[in-house]
Amino acid sequence: MNSAASDARTPLGASADNGLKIVIVGGFGVGKTTMVRSVSEIRPLNTEETMTRASEPVDDVSEVRGKTATTVAFDFGRITLDARNVLYLFGAPGQERFWFLWDRLFSGTLGAVVLLDARRIEDSWYAIDRLERHGTPFIVACNDFGGPRHDPADVRDALDLDPHVPIVECDARSRESSKQVLIALVQHIQRHLGDRSARTDSSLRETV
C-alpha cells in the first residue's frame, strides 16, 4: 500500500471499548513496518529513523543493503472489527539492541506473527524463543522477497517448531496478503479464547 493511500484513510473515533493486541516480530529488515502499513486502516504510527554509517558496526546490514531507515521503538496500526472491538497492531524493532522493548510489547498480547525472511531463518530464533517463554500463541509468516520459495517443512525443521504452529506465505506489501496472515493467526488462537476469538475471525474477514 503506497503512502498516498495510507494518508487518505480517515482517523477513527475512540468509540471501541475492547482492544485486541497483536504483535509482529522478527529479524532486522524482514518487513514488519511494511506489514503494519499495508493493513492498518489508519495512518500508522512509525518510529523510523534514518540509518547512518554509525550504525553499521552495530547492525548487520549485509543482507539488507537497500534499507535506509529502521524502527527504533515500535510501529502501531489499527483495524476496526465492529462497533465495540478493534485490533491493535504493534510492529517490534528487529535489531538486538532494541530487544529489551519486546517483553513490554508482549504484555497483554492476544497473539503474534513471526515475520520471516527465509534467506535468514536464524534471525527469527530469538523471537520464537521469547514468544514460547511468554506462552504467546504465534504463527510464522514467510515474507516474499522475490527469491525461490522454501518448503514449509524445511522452514519448520530449521526453526524447530512444534507441529501445531502454522507456517504461511505472504507478501507484506499487500493488504490482502497481510489480512490473510492475521486471519490465520486468529484461527490459530481460537482454542485459547474460544467463542471470542471465533467472532474476531469472522469480523476480520468482513471488515479488513
Protein backbone atom coordinates (compact mmCIF):
# COMPACT_ATOMS: atom_id res chain seq x y z
CA MET A 1 0.00 0.00 0.00
CA ASN A 2 1.55 3.31 -1.03
CA SER A 3 1.84 6.24 1.34
CA ALA A 4 -0.76 8.30 -0.53
CA ALA A 5 -3.38 5.61 0.00
CA SER A 6 -2.43 5.32 3.66
CA ASP A 7 -2.63 9.08 4.19
CA ALA A 8 -6.16 9.12 2.71
CA ARG A 9 -7.50 6.84 5.44
CA THR A 10 -9.76 8.64 7.87
CA PRO A 11 -8.69 8.52 11.54
CA LEU A 12 -11.18 6.72 13.76
CA GLY A 13 -13.02 7.99 16.79
CA ALA A 14 -12.26 6.43 20.17
CA SER A 15 -15.58 4.58 20.36
CA ALA A 16 -14.41 0.99 20.80
CA ASP A 17 -14.05 -0.42 24.29
CA ASN A 18 -12.39 -3.76 23.58
CA GLY A 19 -8.87 -3.67 22.13
CA LEU A 20 -7.25 -6.89 20.90
CA LYS A 21 -3.48 -6.64 20.70
CA ILE A 22 -1.35 -8.35 18.03
CA VAL A 23 2.45 -8.09 17.85
CA ILE A 24 4.51 -8.56 14.67
CA VAL A 25 8.06 -9.62 15.44
CA GLY A 26 11.06 -10.90 13.52
CA GLY A 27 14.58 -10.10 12.49
CA PHE A 28 16.06 -6.89 11.13
CA GLY A 29 14.60 -5.86 7.76
CA VAL A 30 12.03 -8.65 7.36
CA GLY A 31 9.10 -6.30 6.59
CA LYS A 32 7.36 -5.68 9.92
CA THR A 33 6.84 -1.95 9.31
CA THR A 34 5.67 -2.71 5.78
CA MET A 35 3.06 -5.16 7.01
CA VAL A 36 1.65 -2.73 9.58
CA ARG A 37 1.47 -0.01 6.93
CA SER A 38 -0.23 -2.25 4.38
CA VAL A 39 -3.06 -3.49 6.57
CA SER A 40 -3.77 -0.66 9.03
CA GLU A 41 -6.93 1.36 8.34
CA ILE A 42 -5.46 4.46 9.97
CA ARG A 43 -2.25 6.20 9.10
CA PRO A 44 0.22 4.08 11.08
CA LEU A 45 2.45 5.45 13.79
CA ASN A 46 6.06 4.71 12.85
CA THR A 47 9.20 5.34 14.88
CA GLU A 48 11.63 5.02 12.00
CA GLU A 49 14.95 6.82 11.92
CA THR A 50 17.39 7.17 9.04
CA MET A 51 20.21 4.67 9.17
CA THR A 52 23.71 6.14 9.19
CA ARG A 53 27.22 4.78 8.90
CA ALA A 54 27.49 4.92 12.68
CA SER A 55 25.04 2.01 12.96
CA GLU A 56 26.93 -0.30 10.60
CA PRO A 57 29.26 -1.73 13.29
CA VAL A 58 26.19 -2.48 15.43
CA ASP A 59 23.55 -3.63 12.93
CA ASP A 60 24.34 -6.26 10.31
CA VAL A 61 23.17 -4.64 7.06
CA SER A 62 24.89 -7.11 4.74
CA GLU A 63 21.58 -8.78 3.79
CA VAL A 64 19.51 -5.59 3.66
CA ARG A 65 21.66 -3.26 1.58
CA GLY A 66 18.70 -1.26 0.28
CA LYS A 67 17.38 -0.44 3.75
CA THR A 68 17.68 3.26 4.63
CA ALA A 69 15.52 3.54 7.78
CA THR A 70 14.87 1.38 10.81
CA THR A 71 12.32 1.15 13.62
CA VAL A 72 13.71 2.28 16.98
CA ALA A 73 10.67 1.73 19.21
CA PHE A 74 7.61 0.19 17.55
CA ASP A 75 5.10 0.56 14.73
CA PHE A 76 1.40 0.91 15.51
CA GLY A 77 -1.72 0.33 13.40
CA ARG A 78 -5.40 -0.29 13.97
CA ILE A 79 -8.20 -2.34 12.38
CA THR A 80 -11.87 -1.96 13.35
CA LEU A 81 -13.65 -5.30 13.77
CA ASP A 82 -17.06 -3.95 14.80
CA ALA A 83 -18.57 -1.10 16.85
CA ARG A 84 -17.09 -2.42 20.10
CA ASN A 85 -13.89 -4.23 19.06
CA VAL A 86 -10.66 -3.12 17.43
CA LEU A 87 -7.45 -4.92 16.59
CA TYR A 88 -4.25 -3.09 17.57
CA LEU A 89 -1.08 -3.99 15.66
CA PHE A 90 2.38 -3.44 17.12
CA GLY A 91 5.49 -3.99 15.00
CA ALA A 92 8.53 -4.70 17.17
CA PRO A 93 12.04 -3.46 16.30
CA GLY A 94 14.27 -6.14 14.86
CA GLN A 95 17.78 -5.21 15.98
CA GLU A 96 19.25 -6.94 19.01
CA ARG A 97 19.94 -3.62 20.75
CA PHE A 98 16.17 -2.95 20.92
CA TRP A 99 15.11 -6.40 22.13
CA PHE A 100 14.71 -5.08 25.67
CA LEU A 101 11.44 -3.49 24.45
CA TRP A 102 9.91 -6.80 23.46
CA ASP A 103 8.79 -8.03 26.89
CA ARG A 104 6.74 -4.87 27.38
CA LEU A 105 5.26 -5.13 23.90
CA PHE A 106 4.27 -8.73 24.61
CA SER A 107 2.29 -7.73 27.72
CA GLY A 108 -1.43 -8.25 27.11
CA THR A 109 -0.85 -9.65 23.63
CA LEU A 110 -3.53 -11.85 22.07
CA GLY A 111 -1.04 -13.46 19.71
CA ALA A 112 1.94 -12.78 17.47
CA VAL A 113 3.14 -13.04 13.90
CA VAL A 114 6.79 -14.02 13.44
CA LEU A 115 7.64 -12.47 10.08
CA LEU A 116 10.45 -14.35 8.37
CA ASP A 117 12.92 -13.80 5.58
CA ALA A 118 13.57 -17.43 4.62
CA ARG A 119 17.07 -16.47 3.44
CA ARG A 120 17.91 -15.52 7.06
CA ILE A 121 15.99 -18.05 9.13
CA GLU A 122 18.36 -17.76 12.08
CA ASP A 123 17.26 -14.14 12.60
CA SER A 124 13.90 -15.43 13.87
CA TRP A 125 15.19 -17.78 16.56
CA TYR A 126 15.19 -15.15 19.31
CA ALA A 127 11.63 -14.02 18.55
CA ILE A 128 10.32 -17.57 18.70
CA ASP A 129 12.21 -18.28 21.91
CA ARG A 130 10.76 -15.18 23.61
CA LEU A 131 7.21 -15.96 22.48
CA GLU A 132 7.48 -19.53 23.72
CA ARG A 133 8.78 -18.28 27.08
CA HIS A 134 5.81 -15.91 27.35
CA GLY A 135 3.38 -18.64 26.30
CA THR A 136 2.10 -16.41 23.49
CA PRO A 137 0.34 -18.13 20.56
CA PHE A 138 2.07 -17.33 17.28
CA ILE A 139 2.32 -18.22 13.63
CA VAL A 140 5.25 -17.91 11.22
CA ALA A 141 4.75 -15.87 8.03
CA CYS A 142 7.39 -16.20 5.29
CA ASN A 143 7.63 -12.84 3.52
CA ASP A 144 8.14 -12.85 -0.25
CA PHE A 145 11.44 -11.22 -1.21
CA GLY A 146 11.32 -12.41 -4.80
CA GLY A 147 13.56 -15.46 -4.48
CA PRO A 148 12.71 -19.16 -4.70
CA ARG A 149 10.05 -20.37 -2.31
CA HIS A 150 11.12 -22.52 0.60
CA ASP A 151 9.48 -25.78 1.57
CA PRO A 152 7.45 -25.16 4.76
CA ALA A 153 8.70 -28.47 6.12
CA ASP A 154 12.30 -27.26 5.76
CA VAL A 155 11.42 -23.97 7.48
CA ARG A 156 9.73 -25.89 10.32
CA ASP A 157 12.79 -28.08 10.79
CA ALA A 158 15.17 -25.11 10.70
CA LEU A 159 13.13 -23.30 13.36
CA ASP A 160 12.47 -26.46 15.38
CA LEU A 161 8.78 -25.54 15.52
CA ASP A 162 6.10 -27.57 17.21
CA PRO A 163 3.84 -29.29 14.65
CA HIS A 164 0.82 -27.19 15.69
CA VAL A 165 2.44 -23.83 14.80
CA PRO A 166 1.16 -22.73 11.36
CA ILE A 167 3.53 -21.54 8.63
CA VAL A 168 2.06 -19.31 5.91
CA GLU A 169 3.48 -17.43 2.95
CA CYS A 170 2.78 -13.74 2.45
CA ASP A 171 3.69 -10.51 0.73
CA ALA A 172 3.88 -7.87 3.46
CA ARG A 173 3.34 -5.13 0.86
CA SER A 174 -0.13 -6.47 0.04
CA ARG A 175 -3.12 -5.52 2.18
CA GLU A 176 -4.99 -8.68 1.21
CA SER A 177 -1.99 -10.92 1.90
CA SER A 178 -1.36 -9.28 5.27
CA LYS A 179 -5.04 -9.67 6.14
CA GLN A 180 -4.81 -13.40 5.44
CA VAL A 181 -1.85 -13.62 7.84
CA LEU A 182 -3.92 -12.02 10.61
CA ILE A 183 -6.85 -14.34 9.89
CA ALA A 184 -4.51 -17.34 10.11
CA LEU A 185 -3.26 -16.09 13.48
CA VAL A 186 -6.76 -15.55 14.88
CA GLN A 187 -7.78 -19.03 13.73
CA HIS A 188 -4.70 -20.45 15.45
CA ILE A 189 -5.59 -18.92 18.82
CA GLN A 190 -9.27 -19.90 18.75
CA ARG A 191 -8.61 -22.81 21.03
CA HIS A 192 -7.17 -20.39 23.61
CA LEU A 193 -10.04 -17.89 23.56
CA GLY A 194 -12.99 -19.92 22.32
CA ASP A 195 -16.04 -18.02 21.05
CA ARG A 196 -14.46 -14.58 21.44
CA SER A 197 -11.71 -15.50 19.01
CA ALA A 198 -14.20 -17.04 16.59
CA ARG A 199 -16.14 -13.74 16.49
CA THR A 200 -12.88 -11.87 15.90
CA ASP A 201 -12.07 -14.13 12.94
CA SER A 202 -15.49 -13.51 11.38
CA SER A 203 -15.28 -9.74 11.87
CA LEU A 204 -11.77 -9.60 10.44
CA ARG A 205 -12.89 -11.33 7.24
CA GLU A 206 -15.75 -8.85 6.81
CA THR A 207 -14.08 -5.57 7.71
CA VAL A 208 -10.41 -5.61 6.68
